[in-house]
N, C-alpha and C. Protein backbone atom coordinates (compact mmCIF):
# COMPACT_ATOMS: atom_id res chain seq x y z
N MET A 1 122.37 -105.13 127.47
CA MET A 1 122.23 -105.33 126.02
C MET A 1 121.46 -106.63 125.76
N THR A 2 120.41 -106.55 124.95
CA THR A 2 119.59 -107.72 124.64
C THR A 2 120.01 -108.29 123.29
N LEU A 3 120.30 -109.58 123.28
CA LEU A 3 120.65 -110.25 122.04
C LEU A 3 119.40 -110.89 121.45
N THR A 4 119.12 -110.64 120.20
CA THR A 4 117.93 -111.18 119.55
C THR A 4 118.34 -112.35 118.66
N LEU A 5 117.74 -113.52 118.90
CA LEU A 5 118.05 -114.69 118.11
C LEU A 5 117.33 -114.64 116.77
N THR A 6 117.97 -115.16 115.74
CA THR A 6 117.29 -115.34 114.47
C THR A 6 116.37 -116.56 114.57
N ALA A 7 115.48 -116.71 113.59
CA ALA A 7 114.59 -117.87 113.58
C ALA A 7 115.38 -119.16 113.53
N GLU A 8 116.46 -119.18 112.73
CA GLU A 8 117.29 -120.38 112.64
C GLU A 8 117.97 -120.68 113.97
N GLU A 9 118.48 -119.68 114.63
CA GLU A 9 119.16 -119.89 115.91
C GLU A 9 118.19 -120.40 116.97
N LEU A 10 116.98 -119.86 116.98
CA LEU A 10 115.98 -120.29 117.96
C LEU A 10 115.60 -121.75 117.72
N PHE A 11 115.38 -122.10 116.44
CA PHE A 11 114.99 -123.46 116.11
C PHE A 11 116.15 -124.43 116.34
N ARG A 12 117.36 -124.03 115.97
CA ARG A 12 118.53 -124.88 116.18
C ARG A 12 118.71 -125.20 117.66
N SER A 13 118.55 -124.20 118.52
CA SER A 13 118.72 -124.41 119.95
C SER A 13 117.74 -125.45 120.47
N ALA A 14 116.47 -125.36 120.04
CA ALA A 14 115.47 -126.33 120.48
C ALA A 14 115.76 -127.71 119.89
N TYR A 15 116.17 -127.76 118.63
CA TYR A 15 116.51 -129.03 117.97
C TYR A 15 117.65 -129.72 118.71
N GLU A 16 118.67 -128.96 119.06
CA GLU A 16 119.83 -129.55 119.73
C GLU A 16 119.58 -129.83 121.20
N ASN A 17 118.43 -129.39 121.73
CA ASN A 17 118.05 -129.67 123.11
C ASN A 17 117.27 -130.98 123.24
N ARG A 18 116.99 -131.65 122.11
CA ARG A 18 116.30 -132.94 122.17
C ARG A 18 117.20 -133.99 122.83
N TYR A 19 116.60 -134.93 123.54
CA TYR A 19 117.39 -136.02 124.12
C TYR A 19 117.67 -137.05 123.04
N THR A 20 118.94 -137.38 122.85
CA THR A 20 119.33 -138.44 121.91
C THR A 20 120.35 -139.36 122.58
N TRP A 21 120.54 -140.52 122.00
CA TRP A 21 121.56 -141.43 122.51
C TRP A 21 122.92 -141.07 121.93
N ASP A 22 123.97 -141.19 122.74
CA ASP A 22 125.31 -140.79 122.30
C ASP A 22 126.01 -141.92 121.55
N LYS A 23 127.24 -141.64 121.11
CA LYS A 23 128.01 -142.60 120.29
C LYS A 23 128.39 -143.85 121.06
N ASP A 24 128.31 -143.81 122.40
CA ASP A 24 128.65 -144.98 123.21
C ASP A 24 127.46 -145.87 123.51
N PHE A 25 126.28 -145.51 122.99
CA PHE A 25 125.08 -146.32 123.24
C PHE A 25 125.33 -147.76 122.82
N PRO A 26 125.15 -148.72 123.75
CA PRO A 26 125.54 -150.11 123.47
C PRO A 26 124.45 -150.95 122.80
N GLY A 27 123.22 -150.44 122.80
CA GLY A 27 122.10 -151.26 122.35
C GLY A 27 121.56 -152.10 123.50
N TYR A 28 120.36 -152.63 123.32
CA TYR A 28 119.76 -153.44 124.39
C TYR A 28 118.73 -154.41 123.83
N THR A 29 118.41 -155.41 124.64
CA THR A 29 117.32 -156.33 124.34
C THR A 29 116.20 -156.08 125.34
N CYS A 30 114.98 -156.46 124.97
CA CYS A 30 113.84 -156.25 125.87
C CYS A 30 112.73 -157.23 125.52
N ASP A 31 111.82 -157.38 126.49
CA ASP A 31 110.57 -158.09 126.25
C ASP A 31 109.51 -157.05 125.91
N ILE A 32 108.66 -157.35 124.95
CA ILE A 32 107.63 -156.41 124.52
C ILE A 32 106.27 -157.08 124.62
N THR A 33 105.33 -156.37 125.23
CA THR A 33 103.95 -156.82 125.30
C THR A 33 103.05 -155.80 124.63
N LEU A 34 102.32 -156.23 123.62
CA LEU A 34 101.36 -155.40 122.91
C LEU A 34 99.96 -155.80 123.34
N THR A 35 99.19 -154.84 123.79
CA THR A 35 97.79 -155.08 124.16
C THR A 35 96.92 -154.16 123.33
N ASN A 36 96.00 -154.76 122.56
CA ASN A 36 95.06 -153.98 121.76
C ASN A 36 93.71 -154.70 121.74
N PRO A 37 92.70 -154.15 121.06
CA PRO A 37 91.38 -154.81 121.09
C PRO A 37 91.39 -156.23 120.54
N GLN A 38 92.40 -156.58 119.75
CA GLN A 38 92.46 -157.94 119.19
C GLN A 38 93.04 -158.95 120.17
N GLY A 39 93.74 -158.47 121.20
CA GLY A 39 94.32 -159.40 122.16
C GLY A 39 95.62 -158.89 122.74
N THR A 40 96.37 -159.80 123.34
CA THR A 40 97.68 -159.49 123.93
C THR A 40 98.73 -160.35 123.26
N TYR A 41 99.84 -159.72 122.87
CA TYR A 41 100.89 -160.41 122.13
C TYR A 41 102.23 -160.09 122.79
N THR A 42 103.13 -161.07 122.79
CA THR A 42 104.45 -160.86 123.37
C THR A 42 105.52 -161.13 122.31
N ALA A 43 106.64 -160.45 122.47
CA ALA A 43 107.75 -160.60 121.53
C ALA A 43 109.05 -160.24 122.22
N LYS A 44 110.14 -160.57 121.56
CA LYS A 44 111.47 -160.13 121.97
C LYS A 44 111.92 -159.03 121.01
N GLY A 45 112.57 -158.02 121.56
CA GLY A 45 113.07 -156.94 120.72
C GLY A 45 114.53 -156.67 121.00
N GLU A 46 115.23 -156.21 119.97
CA GLU A 46 116.62 -155.78 120.15
C GLU A 46 116.86 -154.52 119.36
N ILE A 47 117.43 -153.51 120.03
CA ILE A 47 117.94 -152.33 119.36
C ILE A 47 119.45 -152.38 119.48
N LYS A 48 120.13 -152.37 118.36
CA LYS A 48 121.58 -152.55 118.35
C LYS A 48 122.31 -151.21 118.52
N ALA A 49 123.60 -151.29 118.73
CA ALA A 49 124.40 -150.08 118.95
C ALA A 49 124.32 -149.13 117.76
N ASN A 50 124.15 -149.68 116.55
CA ASN A 50 124.05 -148.83 115.35
C ASN A 50 122.60 -148.42 115.06
N LEU A 51 121.70 -148.71 116.02
CA LEU A 51 120.28 -148.36 115.98
C LEU A 51 119.49 -149.16 114.95
N GLN A 52 120.08 -150.25 114.43
CA GLN A 52 119.29 -151.24 113.70
C GLN A 52 118.51 -152.04 114.75
N PHE A 53 117.41 -152.67 114.34
CA PHE A 53 116.58 -153.36 115.33
C PHE A 53 115.98 -154.63 114.74
N GLU A 54 115.57 -155.53 115.66
CA GLU A 54 114.96 -156.80 115.26
C GLU A 54 113.83 -157.14 116.22
N VAL A 55 112.82 -157.80 115.69
CA VAL A 55 111.71 -158.32 116.49
C VAL A 55 111.65 -159.83 116.26
N SER A 56 111.56 -160.59 117.33
CA SER A 56 111.53 -162.05 117.22
C SER A 56 110.56 -162.64 118.23
N ALA A 57 110.42 -163.96 118.16
CA ALA A 57 109.58 -164.73 119.11
C ALA A 57 108.13 -164.29 119.09
N ILE A 58 107.62 -164.02 117.88
CA ILE A 58 106.20 -163.68 117.71
C ILE A 58 105.76 -164.19 116.35
N GLU A 59 104.58 -164.82 116.30
CA GLU A 59 104.11 -165.41 115.05
C GLU A 59 103.05 -164.56 114.35
N ASP A 60 102.25 -163.84 115.11
CA ASP A 60 101.18 -163.04 114.51
C ASP A 60 101.79 -161.90 113.68
N GLU A 61 101.56 -161.93 112.38
CA GLU A 61 102.21 -160.97 111.47
C GLU A 61 101.75 -159.54 111.71
N SER A 62 100.48 -159.35 111.99
CA SER A 62 99.96 -158.01 112.22
C SER A 62 100.57 -157.39 113.48
N ALA A 63 100.64 -158.20 114.54
CA ALA A 63 101.23 -157.72 115.79
C ALA A 63 102.73 -157.47 115.61
N LYS A 64 103.40 -158.35 114.87
CA LYS A 64 104.83 -158.17 114.63
C LYS A 64 105.09 -156.88 113.86
N LYS A 65 104.26 -156.59 112.87
CA LYS A 65 104.41 -155.36 112.10
C LYS A 65 104.22 -154.13 112.98
N ALA A 66 103.23 -154.20 113.87
CA ALA A 66 102.97 -153.07 114.77
C ALA A 66 104.14 -152.84 115.72
N ILE A 67 104.69 -153.92 116.28
CA ILE A 67 105.82 -153.81 117.20
C ILE A 67 107.06 -153.31 116.46
N THR A 68 107.28 -153.81 115.26
CA THR A 68 108.42 -153.36 114.46
C THR A 68 108.32 -151.85 114.21
N GLY A 69 107.11 -151.38 113.94
CA GLY A 69 106.90 -149.95 113.75
C GLY A 69 107.26 -149.14 114.98
N GLN A 70 107.01 -149.70 116.15
CA GLN A 70 107.35 -148.98 117.38
C GLN A 70 108.86 -148.90 117.57
N LEU A 71 109.58 -149.96 117.28
CA LEU A 71 111.04 -149.90 117.40
C LEU A 71 111.62 -148.90 116.40
N TRP A 72 111.03 -148.82 115.23
CA TRP A 72 111.47 -147.80 114.26
C TRP A 72 111.24 -146.41 114.84
N GLU A 73 110.07 -146.19 115.44
CA GLU A 73 109.76 -144.89 116.05
C GLU A 73 110.76 -144.55 117.15
N ILE A 74 111.09 -145.53 117.97
CA ILE A 74 112.02 -145.30 119.07
C ILE A 74 113.39 -144.87 118.53
N THR A 75 113.90 -145.63 117.56
CA THR A 75 115.26 -145.35 117.08
C THR A 75 115.33 -144.06 116.30
N ILE A 76 114.32 -143.74 115.50
CA ILE A 76 114.37 -142.54 114.66
C ILE A 76 114.39 -141.27 115.51
N HIS A 77 113.83 -141.35 116.72
CA HIS A 77 113.80 -140.17 117.59
C HIS A 77 115.00 -140.09 118.54
N ARG A 78 115.78 -141.15 118.63
CA ARG A 78 116.95 -141.12 119.51
C ARG A 78 118.26 -140.97 118.75
N VAL A 79 118.20 -141.06 117.42
CA VAL A 79 119.44 -140.93 116.63
C VAL A 79 119.93 -139.49 116.70
N ASN A 80 121.24 -139.33 116.77
CA ASN A 80 121.84 -138.01 116.97
C ASN A 80 122.34 -137.42 115.65
N HIS A 81 121.38 -137.03 114.78
CA HIS A 81 121.75 -136.35 113.55
C HIS A 81 122.06 -134.89 113.84
N SER A 82 123.09 -134.36 113.20
CA SER A 82 123.41 -132.95 113.38
C SER A 82 122.32 -132.08 112.77
N PHE A 83 122.24 -130.83 113.22
CA PHE A 83 121.29 -129.88 112.67
C PHE A 83 121.55 -129.70 111.17
N GLU A 84 122.82 -129.66 110.79
CA GLU A 84 123.16 -129.47 109.38
C GLU A 84 122.67 -130.64 108.52
N LYS A 85 122.78 -131.85 109.05
CA LYS A 85 122.33 -133.02 108.28
C LYS A 85 120.82 -133.00 108.10
N SER A 86 120.09 -132.63 109.14
CA SER A 86 118.62 -132.66 109.09
C SER A 86 118.03 -131.42 108.42
N HIS A 87 118.67 -130.27 108.60
CA HIS A 87 118.05 -129.02 108.16
C HIS A 87 118.98 -128.10 107.38
N GLY A 88 120.12 -128.61 106.93
CA GLY A 88 121.10 -127.77 106.25
C GLY A 88 120.61 -127.15 104.96
N GLU A 89 119.58 -127.76 104.32
CA GLU A 89 119.06 -127.22 103.06
C GLU A 89 117.80 -126.39 103.27
N ASN A 90 117.47 -126.10 104.51
CA ASN A 90 116.28 -125.31 104.82
C ASN A 90 116.65 -123.89 105.22
N THR A 91 115.70 -122.99 105.06
CA THR A 91 115.81 -121.64 105.61
C THR A 91 114.68 -121.45 106.61
N PHE A 92 114.81 -120.47 107.50
CA PHE A 92 113.85 -120.31 108.58
C PHE A 92 113.49 -118.83 108.75
N SER A 93 112.20 -118.60 109.04
CA SER A 93 111.74 -117.24 109.33
C SER A 93 110.66 -117.32 110.40
N PHE A 94 110.41 -116.21 111.07
CA PHE A 94 109.41 -116.19 112.13
C PHE A 94 108.00 -116.09 111.57
N GLY A 95 107.08 -116.80 112.24
CA GLY A 95 105.66 -116.68 111.95
C GLY A 95 104.96 -115.98 113.10
N GLU A 96 103.82 -116.52 113.51
CA GLU A 96 103.04 -115.93 114.59
C GLU A 96 103.61 -116.33 115.95
N LYS A 97 103.16 -115.61 116.98
CA LYS A 97 103.51 -115.96 118.35
C LYS A 97 102.23 -116.24 119.12
N ASP A 98 102.17 -117.41 119.78
CA ASP A 98 100.98 -117.80 120.54
C ASP A 98 100.91 -117.04 121.87
N ASP A 99 99.72 -117.07 122.46
CA ASP A 99 99.54 -116.41 123.76
C ASP A 99 100.43 -116.99 124.84
N ASN A 100 100.76 -118.29 124.71
CA ASN A 100 101.60 -118.94 125.73
C ASN A 100 103.09 -118.70 125.50
N GLY A 101 103.43 -117.94 124.44
CA GLY A 101 104.83 -117.63 124.17
C GLY A 101 105.47 -118.50 123.11
N ALA A 102 104.75 -119.52 122.63
CA ALA A 102 105.31 -120.37 121.57
C ALA A 102 105.48 -119.55 120.30
N VAL A 103 106.63 -119.71 119.65
CA VAL A 103 106.96 -118.94 118.45
C VAL A 103 106.93 -119.87 117.23
N GLU A 104 106.19 -119.46 116.21
CA GLU A 104 106.10 -120.24 114.98
C GLU A 104 107.35 -120.01 114.12
N ILE A 105 107.89 -121.12 113.59
CA ILE A 105 109.06 -121.08 112.71
C ILE A 105 108.63 -121.61 111.34
N LEU A 106 108.71 -120.76 110.33
CA LEU A 106 108.31 -121.14 108.97
C LEU A 106 109.54 -121.60 108.20
N VAL A 107 109.40 -122.70 107.46
CA VAL A 107 110.52 -123.30 106.76
C VAL A 107 110.45 -122.98 105.27
N GLY A 108 111.61 -122.61 104.71
CA GLY A 108 111.76 -122.44 103.27
C GLY A 108 112.84 -123.37 102.77
N GLY A 109 113.19 -123.25 101.51
CA GLY A 109 114.23 -124.12 100.96
C GLY A 109 113.69 -125.50 100.69
N ALA A 110 114.49 -126.53 100.98
CA ALA A 110 114.11 -127.92 100.67
C ALA A 110 112.83 -128.33 101.39
N GLY A 111 112.61 -127.81 102.60
CA GLY A 111 111.43 -128.18 103.38
C GLY A 111 110.32 -127.15 103.32
N ALA A 112 110.26 -126.38 102.26
CA ALA A 112 109.28 -125.30 102.14
C ALA A 112 107.86 -125.80 102.39
N GLY A 113 107.13 -125.07 103.21
CA GLY A 113 105.77 -125.45 103.56
C GLY A 113 105.67 -126.09 104.93
N ASN A 114 106.78 -126.62 105.42
CA ASN A 114 106.79 -127.17 106.77
C ASN A 114 106.85 -126.02 107.77
N LYS A 115 106.44 -126.28 108.99
CA LYS A 115 106.55 -125.27 110.04
C LYS A 115 106.60 -125.94 111.40
N TYR A 116 107.13 -125.21 112.36
CA TYR A 116 107.30 -125.70 113.72
C TYR A 116 106.90 -124.60 114.70
N LYS A 117 106.78 -124.98 115.96
CA LYS A 117 106.67 -123.99 117.03
C LYS A 117 107.72 -124.32 118.09
N VAL A 118 108.35 -123.29 118.62
CA VAL A 118 109.35 -123.44 119.67
C VAL A 118 108.83 -122.77 120.93
N HIS A 119 108.88 -123.51 122.05
CA HIS A 119 108.40 -123.00 123.34
C HIS A 119 109.34 -123.47 124.43
N ASN A 120 109.92 -122.55 125.17
CA ASN A 120 110.83 -122.89 126.26
C ASN A 120 111.95 -123.84 125.80
N ASN A 121 112.52 -123.53 124.65
CA ASN A 121 113.65 -124.28 124.10
C ASN A 121 113.29 -125.73 123.77
N THR A 122 112.03 -125.97 123.43
CA THR A 122 111.58 -127.28 122.94
C THR A 122 110.78 -127.06 121.66
N VAL A 123 110.76 -128.08 120.80
CA VAL A 123 109.91 -128.04 119.62
C VAL A 123 108.54 -128.56 120.05
N SER A 124 107.58 -127.65 120.18
CA SER A 124 106.28 -128.02 120.74
C SER A 124 105.23 -128.36 119.68
N PHE A 125 105.53 -128.07 118.41
CA PHE A 125 104.57 -128.35 117.34
C PHE A 125 105.34 -128.61 116.05
N VAL A 126 104.90 -129.63 115.32
CA VAL A 126 105.50 -130.00 114.03
C VAL A 126 104.38 -130.08 112.99
N TYR A 127 104.60 -129.45 111.84
CA TYR A 127 103.66 -129.51 110.72
C TYR A 127 104.51 -129.80 109.50
N ARG A 128 104.44 -131.05 109.02
CA ARG A 128 105.44 -131.49 108.04
C ARG A 128 104.82 -132.41 107.00
N LYS A 129 105.27 -132.25 105.77
CA LYS A 129 104.84 -133.14 104.69
C LYS A 129 105.54 -134.48 104.83
N ILE A 130 104.75 -135.57 104.77
CA ILE A 130 105.30 -136.92 104.78
C ILE A 130 104.58 -137.70 103.68
N GLY A 131 105.28 -138.00 102.60
CA GLY A 131 104.65 -138.71 101.49
C GLY A 131 103.50 -137.91 100.92
N ASN A 132 102.32 -138.54 100.87
CA ASN A 132 101.14 -137.89 100.32
C ASN A 132 100.25 -137.29 101.41
N SER A 133 100.83 -137.01 102.56
CA SER A 133 100.07 -136.47 103.68
C SER A 133 100.84 -135.34 104.34
N ILE A 134 100.14 -134.62 105.17
CA ILE A 134 100.76 -133.67 106.10
C ILE A 134 100.46 -134.19 107.50
N VAL A 135 101.46 -134.23 108.35
CA VAL A 135 101.24 -134.63 109.73
C VAL A 135 101.42 -133.42 110.63
N ALA A 136 100.50 -133.26 111.56
CA ALA A 136 100.58 -132.18 112.55
C ALA A 136 100.69 -132.82 113.93
N ILE A 137 101.78 -132.52 114.63
CA ILE A 137 102.04 -133.13 115.94
C ILE A 137 102.16 -132.02 116.98
N ASN A 138 101.33 -132.12 118.00
CA ASN A 138 101.31 -131.12 119.07
C ASN A 138 101.78 -131.78 120.36
N THR A 139 102.85 -131.26 120.95
CA THR A 139 103.37 -131.81 122.21
C THR A 139 102.83 -131.02 123.38
N PHE A 140 102.23 -131.72 124.35
CA PHE A 140 101.64 -131.04 125.50
C PHE A 140 102.27 -131.44 126.84
N ASP A 141 103.21 -132.39 126.81
CA ASP A 141 103.88 -132.78 128.06
C ASP A 141 105.30 -133.23 127.73
N ILE A 142 106.28 -132.66 128.42
CA ILE A 142 107.67 -133.03 128.17
C ILE A 142 108.35 -133.43 129.47
N LEU A 143 109.41 -134.22 129.32
CA LEU A 143 110.28 -134.58 130.44
C LEU A 143 111.62 -133.89 130.21
N ASN A 144 111.99 -132.96 131.08
CA ASN A 144 113.28 -132.30 130.99
C ASN A 144 114.32 -133.14 131.72
N THR A 145 115.38 -133.53 131.02
CA THR A 145 116.47 -134.27 131.64
C THR A 145 117.72 -133.39 131.59
N GLU A 146 118.77 -133.83 132.26
CA GLU A 146 120.02 -133.08 132.24
C GLU A 146 120.70 -133.17 130.88
N GLU A 147 120.17 -134.02 129.99
CA GLU A 147 120.79 -134.23 128.68
C GLU A 147 119.86 -133.86 127.52
N GLY A 148 118.78 -133.15 127.81
CA GLY A 148 117.83 -132.78 126.77
C GLY A 148 116.42 -133.19 127.15
N TYR A 149 115.46 -132.79 126.34
CA TYR A 149 114.06 -133.07 126.68
C TYR A 149 113.50 -134.24 125.88
N LEU A 150 112.49 -134.89 126.46
CA LEU A 150 111.76 -135.98 125.83
C LEU A 150 110.28 -135.63 125.81
N SER A 151 109.60 -135.94 124.72
CA SER A 151 108.15 -135.73 124.64
C SER A 151 107.44 -136.88 125.33
N GLN A 152 106.64 -136.56 126.34
CA GLN A 152 105.89 -137.59 127.08
C GLN A 152 104.43 -137.65 126.67
N GLY A 153 103.88 -136.52 126.24
CA GLY A 153 102.49 -136.48 125.83
C GLY A 153 102.35 -135.66 124.56
N TYR A 154 101.73 -136.23 123.54
CA TYR A 154 101.59 -135.52 122.28
C TYR A 154 100.45 -136.14 121.48
N ASP A 155 99.91 -135.37 120.54
CA ASP A 155 98.87 -135.90 119.66
C ASP A 155 99.25 -135.63 118.22
N SER A 156 98.71 -136.42 117.33
CA SER A 156 99.01 -136.26 115.91
C SER A 156 97.75 -136.45 115.09
N ILE A 157 97.74 -135.78 113.94
CA ILE A 157 96.64 -135.94 113.00
C ILE A 157 97.21 -135.79 111.59
N TYR A 158 96.68 -136.57 110.67
CA TYR A 158 97.12 -136.49 109.27
C TYR A 158 96.12 -135.67 108.47
N LEU A 159 96.63 -134.85 107.56
CA LEU A 159 95.81 -133.95 106.76
C LEU A 159 96.02 -134.20 105.28
N GLU A 160 94.96 -133.95 104.50
CA GLU A 160 95.09 -133.96 103.05
C GLU A 160 95.94 -132.76 102.63
N PRO A 161 96.96 -132.97 101.79
CA PRO A 161 97.85 -131.86 101.44
C PRO A 161 97.17 -130.73 100.68
N GLU A 162 96.15 -131.05 99.86
CA GLU A 162 95.49 -130.00 99.09
C GLU A 162 94.46 -129.24 99.91
N THR A 163 93.59 -129.97 100.60
CA THR A 163 92.48 -129.33 101.32
C THR A 163 92.81 -129.00 102.76
N LYS A 164 93.88 -129.60 103.30
CA LYS A 164 94.26 -129.47 104.71
C LYS A 164 93.20 -130.04 105.65
N GLN A 165 92.30 -130.87 105.11
CA GLN A 165 91.26 -131.50 105.93
C GLN A 165 91.80 -132.79 106.55
N PRO A 166 91.35 -133.14 107.78
CA PRO A 166 91.83 -134.36 108.44
C PRO A 166 91.52 -135.61 107.61
N LYS A 167 92.48 -136.53 107.57
CA LYS A 167 92.30 -137.81 106.89
C LYS A 167 91.72 -138.85 107.85
N GLY A 168 91.68 -138.53 109.12
CA GLY A 168 91.15 -139.44 110.12
C GLY A 168 91.08 -138.71 111.44
N GLY A 169 90.88 -139.45 112.52
CA GLY A 169 90.80 -138.82 113.83
C GLY A 169 92.18 -138.54 114.43
N LYS A 170 92.16 -137.86 115.54
CA LYS A 170 93.39 -137.53 116.25
C LYS A 170 93.86 -138.75 117.05
N THR A 171 95.17 -138.94 117.09
CA THR A 171 95.78 -140.01 117.87
C THR A 171 96.59 -139.38 119.00
N ILE A 172 96.38 -139.86 120.23
CA ILE A 172 97.03 -139.29 121.41
C ILE A 172 98.01 -140.31 121.98
N PHE A 173 99.22 -139.85 122.28
CA PHE A 173 100.29 -140.72 122.79
C PHE A 173 100.69 -140.28 124.19
N HIS A 174 100.87 -141.25 125.08
CA HIS A 174 101.44 -141.00 126.40
C HIS A 174 102.61 -141.97 126.59
N ASP A 175 103.81 -141.42 126.73
CA ASP A 175 105.03 -142.22 126.85
C ASP A 175 105.60 -142.14 128.26
N THR A 176 106.18 -143.25 128.71
CA THR A 176 106.87 -143.31 130.00
C THR A 176 108.31 -143.72 129.76
N PHE A 177 109.23 -142.94 130.30
CA PHE A 177 110.66 -143.24 130.16
C PHE A 177 111.27 -143.53 131.53
N GLU A 178 112.25 -144.42 131.54
CA GLU A 178 113.02 -144.70 132.74
C GLU A 178 114.50 -144.61 132.41
N LYS A 179 115.29 -144.09 133.34
CA LYS A 179 116.73 -144.04 133.12
C LYS A 179 117.32 -145.36 133.59
N ILE A 180 117.87 -146.11 132.63
CA ILE A 180 118.41 -147.44 132.89
C ILE A 180 119.82 -147.48 132.30
N GLY A 181 120.79 -147.84 133.12
CA GLY A 181 122.15 -147.95 132.61
C GLY A 181 122.68 -146.66 132.01
N GLY A 182 122.23 -145.53 132.53
CA GLY A 182 122.72 -144.25 132.05
C GLY A 182 121.98 -143.69 130.85
N TYR A 183 120.96 -144.41 130.34
CA TYR A 183 120.20 -143.96 129.17
C TYR A 183 118.71 -143.94 129.48
N TYR A 184 118.02 -142.95 128.94
CA TYR A 184 116.56 -142.93 129.06
C TYR A 184 115.96 -143.85 128.02
N ILE A 185 115.14 -144.80 128.50
CA ILE A 185 114.56 -145.84 127.66
C ILE A 185 113.04 -145.77 127.76
N LEU A 186 112.35 -145.89 126.62
CA LEU A 186 110.90 -145.96 126.61
C LEU A 186 110.46 -147.29 127.21
N THR A 187 109.67 -147.24 128.29
CA THR A 187 109.20 -148.47 128.92
C THR A 187 107.70 -148.70 128.74
N ASN A 188 106.97 -147.66 128.34
CA ASN A 188 105.53 -147.83 128.11
C ASN A 188 105.05 -146.77 127.12
N ARG A 189 104.22 -147.18 126.20
CA ARG A 189 103.56 -146.24 125.29
C ARG A 189 102.08 -146.60 125.20
N ARG A 190 101.24 -145.64 125.50
CA ARG A 190 99.78 -145.84 125.44
C ARG A 190 99.24 -144.94 124.34
N ILE A 191 98.57 -145.53 123.37
CA ILE A 191 98.07 -144.81 122.20
C ILE A 191 96.55 -144.89 122.18
N THR A 192 95.91 -143.74 122.12
CA THR A 192 94.44 -143.68 122.04
C THR A 192 94.06 -143.07 120.70
N SER A 193 93.29 -143.82 119.92
CA SER A 193 92.86 -143.35 118.61
C SER A 193 91.35 -143.50 118.47
N GLU A 194 90.83 -142.90 117.43
CA GLU A 194 89.39 -142.99 117.17
C GLU A 194 89.14 -143.86 115.94
N GLU A 195 88.14 -144.71 116.05
CA GLU A 195 87.76 -145.56 114.93
C GLU A 195 86.25 -145.72 114.95
N ASN A 196 85.60 -145.20 113.91
CA ASN A 196 84.13 -145.24 113.82
C ASN A 196 83.48 -144.64 115.06
N GLY A 197 84.05 -143.54 115.54
CA GLY A 197 83.46 -142.85 116.68
C GLY A 197 83.80 -143.45 118.03
N GLU A 198 84.57 -144.53 118.05
CA GLU A 198 84.94 -145.18 119.30
C GLU A 198 86.42 -144.98 119.60
N SER A 199 86.76 -144.89 120.88
CA SER A 199 88.16 -144.77 121.29
C SER A 199 88.80 -146.15 121.34
N ILE A 200 89.94 -146.27 120.67
CA ILE A 200 90.69 -147.52 120.63
C ILE A 200 92.01 -147.30 121.38
N VAL A 201 92.28 -148.15 122.37
CA VAL A 201 93.50 -148.02 123.16
C VAL A 201 94.46 -149.16 122.81
N THR A 202 95.68 -148.78 122.48
CA THR A 202 96.75 -149.74 122.21
C THR A 202 97.90 -149.43 123.14
N GLU A 203 98.44 -150.45 123.79
CA GLU A 203 99.52 -150.23 124.76
C GLU A 203 100.70 -151.14 124.47
N TYR A 204 101.89 -150.54 124.54
CA TYR A 204 103.14 -151.29 124.39
C TYR A 204 103.92 -151.19 125.69
N GLN A 205 104.30 -152.34 126.23
CA GLN A 205 105.11 -152.38 127.44
C GLN A 205 106.46 -152.96 127.08
N PHE A 206 107.53 -152.24 127.44
CA PHE A 206 108.89 -152.67 127.17
C PHE A 206 109.56 -152.97 128.52
N SER A 207 109.88 -154.22 128.77
CA SER A 207 110.38 -154.63 130.08
C SER A 207 111.65 -155.47 129.92
N ASN A 208 112.24 -155.82 131.08
CA ASN A 208 113.45 -156.65 131.09
C ASN A 208 114.51 -156.07 130.16
N ILE A 209 114.79 -154.77 130.34
CA ILE A 209 115.78 -154.09 129.51
C ILE A 209 117.18 -154.58 129.91
N VAL A 210 117.92 -155.14 128.96
CA VAL A 210 119.28 -155.63 129.20
C VAL A 210 120.19 -155.05 128.14
N PHE A 211 121.20 -154.29 128.57
CA PHE A 211 122.12 -153.68 127.62
C PHE A 211 123.09 -154.71 127.06
N ASN A 212 123.48 -154.52 125.81
CA ASN A 212 124.37 -155.45 125.13
C ASN A 212 125.82 -155.28 125.61
């Protein structure tokens, strides 16, 4: 007997398969090095047990803002929100199926217009309204752990909501995770973007990880 999953069940399974930090996560401090075309900058970072974060020991405001944004990105993707909290006001239906087996999930309800793709119990594509833009994120490399999956390679592009035309070039991310103290921690992020036809590389190194 073959059991057929609904669109919501398929998406929920992939959502709950994401790697997140558990309630015992103690928080940690780290050294951060930002390297971009403007130079190299160092800072101290702390992510607390409640996933609040701080950046210190850096004077350059632009670099501090960039590093702060990275800590926000780290925490927002490791927080363990329930499916009901994140998607309880949405409805789900099937869209197209790709040649590689990825299944499109169309969202209705509060998130109407958003869509995802699920492939091998992972969310491989996100198309979502954020403010006055639409962001499209395509994941092409994942790390499967015994506690869920992590995206290691992905690209993103922002679109005009009315015309669906790109607002800029594509940005490509390559992340490196290490298991430290029982938790998977981001230790390196390399970002390649386009600016005036040129490739711009920005790298964040997170080292000297010490749990609180």
